[in-house]
């Protein structure tokens, strides 16, 4: 059995997904890059972070997988 994958920061994860999609991937498994900073905090802070940070990150991931958002020199834009 393989070793567990270690999480990367969100920006790196999105770039990796973009490369995978460009090479034929049809999706991605999301994990720690979305929610890792929401765990060691109070319930109220967790809810706030999941709503204001994790949800937009998930929406960004969806746009990359759908091909409606691509990296452009350090930023993101529509293709």
C-alpha atoms as a PDB file:
ATOM      1  CA  UNK A   1       0.000   0.000   0.000  1.00  0.00           C
ATOM      2  CA  UNK A   2       1.251   3.497  -0.836  1.00  0.00           C
ATOM      3  CA  UNK A   3       2.092   6.187   1.628  1.00  0.00           C
ATOM      4  CA  UNK A   4      -0.508   8.847   2.423  1.00  0.00           C
ATOM      5  CA  UNK A   5      -0.272  11.988   0.343  1.00  0.00           C
ATOM      6  CA  UNK A   6       0.819  15.070   2.219  1.00  0.00           C
ATOM      7  CA  UNK A   7      -1.215  18.205   1.745  1.00  0.00           C
ATOM      8  CA  UNK A   8       0.097  21.139  -0.236  1.00  0.00           C
ATOM      9  CA  UNK A   9      -0.965  24.764  -0.053  1.00  0.00           C
ATOM     10  CA  UNK A  10      -4.063  25.688  -2.016  1.00  0.00           C
ATOM     11  CA  UNK A  11      -2.259  27.618  -4.762  1.00  0.00           C
ATOM     12  CA  UNK A  12       0.017  24.644  -5.466  1.00  0.00           C
ATOM     13  CA  UNK A  13      -2.926  22.233  -5.415  1.00  0.00           C
ATOM     14  CA  UNK A  14      -4.909  24.327  -7.909  1.00  0.00           C
ATOM     15  CA  UNK A  15      -1.903  24.528 -10.256  1.00  0.00           C
ATOM     16  CA  UNK A  16      -1.466  20.741 -10.035  1.00  0.00           C
ATOM     17  CA  UNK A  17      -5.146  20.224 -10.844  1.00  0.00           C
ATOM     18  CA  UNK A  18      -4.897  22.629 -13.770  1.00  0.00           C
ATOM     19  CA  UNK A  19      -1.960  20.640 -15.183  1.00  0.00           C
ATOM     20  CA  UNK A  20      -3.798  17.351 -14.649  1.00  0.00           C
ATOM     21  CA  UNK A  21      -6.946  18.643 -16.374  1.00  0.00           C
ATOM     22  CA  UNK A  22      -4.872  19.951 -19.293  1.00  0.00           C
ATOM     23  CA  UNK A  23      -3.504  16.420 -19.642  1.00  0.00           C
ATOM     24  CA  UNK A  24      -6.864  14.664 -19.629  1.00  0.00           C
ATOM     25  CA  UNK A  25      -8.023  14.426 -16.015  1.00  0.00           C
ATOM     26  CA  UNK A  26     -11.748  14.832 -15.582  1.00  0.00           C
ATOM     27  CA  UNK A  27     -11.780  15.767 -11.906  1.00  0.00           C
ATOM     28  CA  UNK A  28      -9.820  16.002  -8.684  1.00  0.00           C
ATOM     29  CA  UNK A  29     -10.105  14.892  -5.083  1.00  0.00           C
ATOM     30  CA  UNK A  30     -10.157  17.877  -2.769  1.00  0.00           C
ATOM     31  CA  UNK A  31      -8.808  17.739   0.713  1.00  0.00           C
ATOM     32  CA  UNK A  32      -6.590  19.661   3.048  1.00  0.00           C
ATOM     33  CA  UNK A  33      -5.919  22.587   0.732  1.00  0.00           C
ATOM     34  CA  UNK A  34      -9.569  23.517   1.145  1.00  0.00           C
ATOM     35  CA  UNK A  35     -10.104  23.143   4.879  1.00  0.00           C
ATOM     36  CA  UNK A  36      -6.848  22.500   6.791  1.00  0.00           C
ATOM     37  CA  UNK A  37      -6.765  25.970   8.381  1.00  0.00           C
ATOM     38  CA  UNK A  38     -10.306  25.492   9.711  1.00  0.00           C
ATOM     39  CA  UNK A  39      -9.672  22.636  12.137  1.00  0.00           C
ATOM     40  CA  UNK A  40      -7.704  23.892  15.145  1.00  0.00           C
ATOM     41  CA  UNK A  41     -10.016  26.807  15.899  1.00  0.00           C
ATOM     42  CA  UNK A  42     -13.271  27.445  17.736  1.00  0.00           C
ATOM     43  CA  UNK A  43     -16.554  26.287  16.229  1.00  0.00           C
ATOM     44  CA  UNK A  44     -17.560  29.840  15.346  1.00  0.00           C
ATOM     45  CA  UNK A  45     -14.225  30.551  13.660  1.00  0.00           C
ATOM     46  CA  UNK A  46     -14.396  27.186  11.882  1.00  0.00           C
ATOM     47  CA  UNK A  47     -17.815  28.007  10.445  1.00  0.00           C
ATOM     48  CA  UNK A  48     -16.567  31.410   9.327  1.00  0.00           C
ATOM     49  CA  UNK A  49     -13.457  29.952   7.661  1.00  0.00           C
ATOM     50  CA  UNK A  50     -15.362  27.142   5.972  1.00  0.00           C
ATOM     51  CA  UNK A  51     -17.818  29.671   4.569  1.00  0.00           C
ATOM     52  CA  UNK A  52     -15.420  32.455   3.610  1.00  0.00           C
ATOM     53  CA  UNK A  53     -12.299  30.496   2.674  1.00  0.00           C
ATOM     54  CA  UNK A  54     -13.047  26.807   2.012  1.00  0.00           C
ATOM     55  CA  UNK A  55     -16.187  27.379  -0.069  1.00  0.00           C
ATOM     56  CA  UNK A  56     -14.510  29.873  -2.447  1.00  0.00           C
ATOM     57  CA  UNK A  57     -11.565  27.479  -2.757  1.00  0.00           C
ATOM     58  CA  UNK A  58     -13.947  24.672  -3.684  1.00  0.00           C
ATOM     59  CA  UNK A  59     -15.615  26.929  -6.241  1.00  0.00           C
ATOM     60  CA  UNK A  60     -12.189  27.809  -7.658  1.00  0.00           C
ATOM     61  CA  UNK A  61     -11.360  24.093  -7.926  1.00  0.00           C
ATOM     62  CA  UNK A  62     -14.656  23.477  -9.711  1.00  0.00           C
ATOM     63  CA  UNK A  63     -13.885  26.241 -12.219  1.00  0.00           C
ATOM     64  CA  UNK A  64     -10.419  24.813 -12.936  1.00  0.00           C
ATOM     65  CA  UNK A  65     -11.820  21.307 -13.467  1.00  0.00           C
ATOM     66  CA  UNK A  66     -14.576  22.709 -15.696  1.00  0.00           C
ATOM     67  CA  UNK A  67     -11.967  24.634 -17.692  1.00  0.00           C
ATOM     68  CA  UNK A  68     -13.508  28.019 -16.949  1.00  0.00           C
ATOM     69  CA  UNK A  69     -10.555  29.280 -14.885  1.00  0.00           C
ATOM     70  CA  UNK A  70      -6.861  29.027 -15.772  1.00  0.00           C
ATOM     71  CA  UNK A  71      -3.645  30.420 -14.301  1.00  0.00           C
ATOM     72  CA  UNK A  72      -2.243  33.482 -16.022  1.00  0.00           C
ATOM     73  CA  UNK A  73       1.055  34.829 -14.732  1.00  0.00           C
ATOM     74  CA  UNK A  74       0.354  34.547 -11.023  1.00  0.00           C
ATOM     75  CA  UNK A  75      -3.355  35.277 -11.239  1.00  0.00           C
ATOM     76  CA  UNK A  76      -6.448  33.548 -12.560  1.00  0.00           C
ATOM     77  CA  UNK A  77      -8.592  34.361 -15.570  1.00  0.00           C
ATOM     78  CA  UNK A  78     -11.202  32.892 -17.866  1.00  0.00           C
ATOM     79  CA  UNK A  79      -9.702  31.005 -20.835  1.00  0.00           C
END
